[in-house]
Amino acid sequence: MVDKMGSDIQAGRTDQVLLHRFLGVDLELAPGVLVPREETELLGRVAIDLIRAGDENPLVVDMCCGSGNLALAIATHAPAATVWACDLTDETVALAERNVRRCGFSDRVRVLQGDLFGGLAGENLEGSVDIIVCNPPYISTQRLEGDSAHLLENEPREAFDGGPYGISIHQRLVRDAVAFLKPGGWLAFEFGEGQQRQAAALLARARAYDSVEFASDRNGTPRAAFAQKRLDV
């Protein structure tokens, strides 16, 4: 797996800015934007391993980028990568842009705003992306109104609400990523506890992916999927 990355989640204040450490990258946090979780580091490690094993100058998309944590971790640990980061809200895009500048990656990481792949419209990226990474919302609406309601006390609903079954964004992601991935490119995404079978079914139903695998957290629970776009699609 990926080496030389801090795996401990740490936070501190520097010049009145709240910082959060994610895979060795210090990120600014802000109200209205998801705080990166430890389980997302698993997805980041998988993505970086795939990038390092692939083409020399990879093109990467971080969809649902939030604070830019995955995009900036990838840019840090894969110095040849060019990264496009997308999210929906003004708050997330503004924060991701600040973090890109803070980390000094304005030449390699570009932040766009839009509804999933709508943010990439007009950029001529179709069929050219080596890897798409995504940490989408995956908690059901019902749970957010019940036992997971506490999550909304300090963070936005958009970061958690995955629709009636928690996989509404996954459905769109798996379907729409096909047009942007090049043949042999990778889709890697996080999902919630107990959603492995749903993730596997979505990938199978798309009829566009091979080499579907899952990565598990330190407790042995599958939390990330990665699948390769078929060469004949």
Protein backbone atom coordinates (compact mmCIF):
# COMPACT_ATOMS: atom_id res chain seq x y z
CA MET A 1 0.00 0.00 0.00
CA VAL A 2 0.97 3.68 -0.13
CA ASP A 3 3.94 4.60 2.02
CA LYS A 4 5.00 7.78 3.81
CA MET A 5 1.48 9.00 4.43
CA GLY A 6 0.25 10.06 7.82
CA SER A 7 -2.84 8.01 8.58
CA ASP A 8 -3.80 9.74 11.83
CA ILE A 9 -6.50 12.35 11.65
CA GLN A 10 -5.16 15.48 13.34
CA ALA A 11 -6.49 18.99 13.66
CA GLY A 12 -4.98 22.23 14.89
CA ARG A 13 -5.22 26.00 14.60
CA THR A 14 -2.69 28.06 12.65
CA ASP A 15 -3.28 31.83 12.40
CA GLN A 16 -6.94 31.31 13.34
CA VAL A 17 -7.46 28.81 10.52
CA LEU A 18 -8.59 25.34 11.54
CA LEU A 19 -6.38 22.75 9.83
CA HIS A 20 -7.01 19.06 9.36
CA ARG A 21 -4.37 16.51 8.36
CA PHE A 22 -5.33 14.00 5.67
CA LEU A 23 -2.77 11.59 4.18
CA GLY A 24 0.03 13.99 4.98
CA VAL A 25 -1.76 17.10 3.66
CA ASP A 26 -2.83 19.97 5.92
CA LEU A 27 -6.27 21.17 4.87
CA GLU A 28 -8.25 24.20 5.88
CA LEU A 29 -11.74 23.40 7.15
CA ALA A 30 -14.85 25.58 6.93
CA PRO A 31 -18.49 25.54 8.08
CA GLY A 32 -20.80 23.93 5.57
CA VAL A 33 -18.21 21.48 4.21
CA LEU A 34 -17.68 17.83 5.16
CA VAL A 35 -14.77 17.13 7.51
CA PRO A 36 -12.69 14.32 5.91
CA ARG A 37 -13.01 11.01 7.76
CA GLU A 38 -10.40 8.35 8.43
CA GLU A 39 -12.23 5.82 6.26
CA THR A 40 -11.72 8.04 3.22
CA GLU A 41 -7.97 7.60 3.62
CA LEU A 42 -8.52 4.01 2.51
CA LEU A 43 -9.97 5.28 -0.77
CA GLY A 44 -7.07 7.70 -1.15
CA ARG A 45 -4.49 4.97 -0.68
CA VAL A 46 -6.20 2.72 -3.23
CA ALA A 47 -6.36 5.57 -5.75
CA ILE A 48 -2.72 6.52 -5.33
CA ASP A 49 -1.60 2.92 -5.73
CA LEU A 50 -3.60 2.64 -8.96
CA ILE A 51 -2.16 5.91 -10.25
CA ARG A 52 1.41 4.88 -9.48
CA ALA A 53 0.90 1.60 -11.33
CA GLY A 54 -0.56 3.32 -14.42
CA ASP A 55 0.50 5.86 -17.02
CA GLU A 56 3.34 8.30 -16.38
CA ASN A 57 1.22 11.47 -16.62
CA PRO A 58 -2.23 10.48 -15.35
CA LEU A 59 -5.37 12.54 -15.63
CA VAL A 60 -7.45 12.28 -12.45
CA VAL A 61 -10.94 13.48 -11.49
CA ASP A 62 -11.98 13.90 -7.85
CA MET A 63 -15.77 13.97 -7.96
CA CYS A 64 -17.63 15.29 -4.88
CA CYS A 65 -14.30 16.79 -3.81
CA GLY A 66 -15.43 18.56 -0.64
CA SER A 67 -12.42 20.31 0.89
CA GLY A 68 -10.22 18.90 -1.87
CA ASN A 69 -8.69 16.28 0.41
CA LEU A 70 -8.47 13.45 -2.13
CA ALA A 71 -7.41 15.72 -4.99
CA LEU A 72 -4.61 17.25 -2.96
CA ALA A 73 -3.45 13.95 -1.46
CA ILE A 74 -3.21 12.56 -5.00
CA ALA A 75 -1.34 15.64 -6.23
CA THR A 76 1.07 15.34 -3.29
CA HIS A 77 1.85 11.64 -3.63
CA ALA A 78 1.59 11.36 -7.42
CA PRO A 79 3.58 14.41 -8.61
CA ALA A 80 2.98 13.72 -12.31
CA ALA A 81 -0.81 13.71 -11.98
CA THR A 82 -3.09 16.44 -13.27
CA VAL A 83 -6.26 16.61 -11.16
CA TRP A 84 -9.71 18.04 -11.82
CA ALA A 85 -11.87 18.44 -8.69
CA CYS A 86 -15.65 19.01 -8.77
CA ASP A 87 -18.37 19.71 -6.25
CA LEU A 88 -21.84 21.19 -6.12
CA THR A 89 -21.99 24.00 -3.57
CA ASP A 90 -20.39 27.42 -3.41
CA GLU A 91 -18.93 26.63 0.02
CA THR A 92 -17.15 23.45 -1.02
CA VAL A 93 -15.74 24.90 -4.22
CA ALA A 94 -14.44 28.01 -2.44
CA LEU A 95 -12.80 25.92 0.28
CA ALA A 96 -11.25 23.49 -2.20
CA GLU A 97 -9.81 26.40 -4.16
CA ARG A 98 -8.29 27.87 -0.98
CA ASN A 99 -6.73 24.52 -0.14
CA VAL A 100 -5.31 24.19 -3.65
CA ARG A 101 -3.61 27.56 -3.23
CA ARG A 102 -2.50 26.74 0.32
CA CYS A 103 -0.80 23.56 -0.90
CA GLY A 104 0.76 25.27 -3.92
CA PHE A 105 -0.95 23.11 -6.55
CA SER A 106 -2.71 25.73 -8.66
CA ASP A 107 -0.73 24.55 -11.69
CA ARG A 108 -1.92 20.92 -11.40
CA VAL A 109 -5.28 20.94 -9.58
CA ARG A 110 -8.31 22.75 -11.00
CA VAL A 111 -11.58 23.07 -9.10
CA LEU A 112 -14.91 23.25 -10.95
CA GLN A 113 -18.51 23.58 -9.80
CA GLY A 114 -21.45 21.52 -11.00
CA ASP A 115 -23.82 18.64 -10.39
CA LEU A 116 -21.52 15.60 -10.67
CA PHE A 117 -20.13 15.32 -14.20
CA GLY A 118 -22.08 18.39 -15.24
CA GLY A 119 -19.17 20.32 -13.73
CA LEU A 120 -16.87 18.93 -16.42
CA ALA A 121 -19.09 19.92 -19.34
CA GLY A 122 -17.17 21.65 -22.08
CA GLU A 123 -13.73 20.63 -20.80
CA ASN A 124 -13.25 17.91 -23.45
CA LEU A 125 -12.32 15.25 -20.90
CA GLU A 126 -14.57 12.51 -22.29
CA GLY A 127 -12.72 9.27 -22.86
CA SER A 128 -9.43 10.58 -21.46
CA VAL A 129 -9.48 10.17 -17.67
CA ASP A 130 -7.18 7.60 -16.06
CA ILE A 131 -8.97 7.43 -12.72
CA ILE A 132 -12.09 8.91 -11.17
CA VAL A 133 -12.23 8.95 -7.37
CA CYS A 134 -15.35 9.82 -5.41
CA ASN A 135 -16.49 9.95 -1.80
CA PRO A 136 -20.22 10.45 -2.41
CA PRO A 137 -23.00 10.88 0.14
CA TYR A 138 -24.13 7.40 1.22
CA ILE A 139 -26.42 7.68 4.24
CA SER A 140 -30.11 7.18 3.59
CA THR A 141 -32.49 10.11 4.04
CA GLN A 142 -34.43 8.15 6.65
CA ARG A 143 -31.33 7.56 8.79
CA LEU A 144 -30.41 11.24 8.60
CA GLU A 145 -33.80 11.98 10.08
CA GLY A 146 -33.29 9.33 12.76
CA ASP A 147 -30.20 7.78 14.33
CA SER A 148 -27.73 9.76 12.17
CA ALA A 149 -29.35 13.16 12.64
CA HIS A 150 -26.39 14.29 14.77
CA LEU A 151 -24.25 14.43 11.64
CA LEU A 152 -26.20 17.46 10.46
CA GLU A 153 -25.43 19.53 13.53
CA ASN A 154 -22.20 20.93 12.08
CA GLU A 155 -21.99 19.60 8.53
CA PRO A 156 -24.26 19.98 5.47
CA ARG A 157 -26.97 17.54 4.43
CA GLU A 158 -25.53 17.45 0.90
CA ALA A 159 -22.41 15.72 2.24
CA PHE A 160 -24.36 12.80 3.71
CA ASP A 161 -27.76 12.36 2.07
CA GLY A 162 -27.60 9.49 -0.42
CA GLY A 163 -31.32 9.33 -1.09
CA PRO A 164 -33.89 6.72 0.01
CA TYR A 165 -31.41 3.81 0.04
CA GLY A 166 -28.14 5.70 0.40
CA ILE A 167 -26.91 4.94 -3.12
CA SER A 168 -28.59 7.55 -5.32
CA ILE A 169 -25.32 9.33 -6.08
CA HIS A 170 -23.51 6.02 -6.59
CA GLN A 171 -26.03 5.10 -9.27
CA ARG A 172 -25.30 8.26 -11.22
CA LEU A 173 -21.56 8.02 -10.61
CA VAL A 174 -21.19 4.46 -11.90
CA ARG A 175 -23.31 5.21 -14.96
CA ASP A 176 -21.88 8.60 -15.94
CA ALA A 177 -18.21 7.86 -15.22
CA VAL A 178 -18.09 5.53 -18.23
CA ALA A 179 -18.15 8.43 -20.70
CA PHE A 180 -15.15 10.12 -19.09
CA LEU A 181 -12.90 7.15 -18.35
CA LYS A 182 -10.56 6.04 -21.07
CA PRO A 183 -10.60 2.29 -21.88
CA GLY A 184 -8.75 0.62 -19.02
CA GLY A 185 -9.30 3.60 -16.73
CA TRP A 186 -10.37 3.13 -13.12
CA LEU A 187 -13.37 4.18 -11.06
CA ALA A 188 -12.76 4.14 -7.29
CA PHE A 189 -15.38 5.16 -4.74
CA GLU A 190 -16.30 4.94 -1.08
CA PHE A 191 -19.54 3.44 0.26
CA GLY A 192 -21.15 2.90 3.64
CA GLU A 193 -20.99 -0.10 5.93
CA GLY A 194 -23.13 -2.89 4.55
CA GLN A 195 -23.35 -1.42 1.03
CA GLN A 196 -20.85 -3.74 -0.67
CA ARG A 197 -23.50 -5.85 -2.38
CA GLN A 198 -25.28 -2.76 -3.67
CA ALA A 199 -22.02 -1.35 -5.02
CA ALA A 200 -21.20 -4.65 -6.72
CA ALA A 201 -24.68 -4.79 -8.28
CA LEU A 202 -24.39 -1.25 -9.64
CA LEU A 203 -21.05 -2.02 -11.27
CA ALA A 204 -22.32 -5.28 -12.76
CA ARG A 205 -25.49 -3.65 -14.06
CA ALA A 206 -23.48 -0.99 -15.91
CA ARG A 207 -21.89 -3.70 -18.11
CA ALA A 208 -18.87 -1.44 -18.54
CA TYR A 209 -16.42 -2.55 -15.85
CA ASP A 210 -14.05 -5.44 -15.23
CA SER A 211 -11.65 -6.27 -12.41
CA VAL A 212 -14.07 -5.20 -9.67
CA GLU A 213 -12.41 -5.33 -6.25
CA PHE A 214 -13.07 -4.05 -2.75
CA ALA A 215 -10.81 -2.60 -0.07
CA SER A 216 -11.54 -3.07 3.63
CA ASP A 217 -10.85 -0.87 6.63
CA ARG A 218 -8.81 -1.86 9.67
CA ASN A 219 -11.83 -3.78 11.01
CA GLY A 220 -12.12 -5.85 7.86
CA THR A 221 -15.25 -4.03 6.66
CA PRO A 222 -15.40 -3.32 2.91
CA ARG A 223 -15.58 0.45 2.42
CA ALA A 224 -14.21 1.18 -1.08
CA ALA A 225 -14.72 -0.27 -4.54
CA PHE A 226 -12.46 0.01 -7.55
CA ALA A 227 -13.27 -1.21 -11.04
CA GLN A 228 -11.62 -0.91 -14.44
CA LYS A 229 -13.46 0.27 -17.52
CA ARG A 230 -13.61 -2.47 -20.14
CA LEU A 231 -11.41 -2.03 -23.19
CA ASP A 232 -14.33 -2.64 -25.55
CA VAL A 233 -16.63 0.04 -24.12
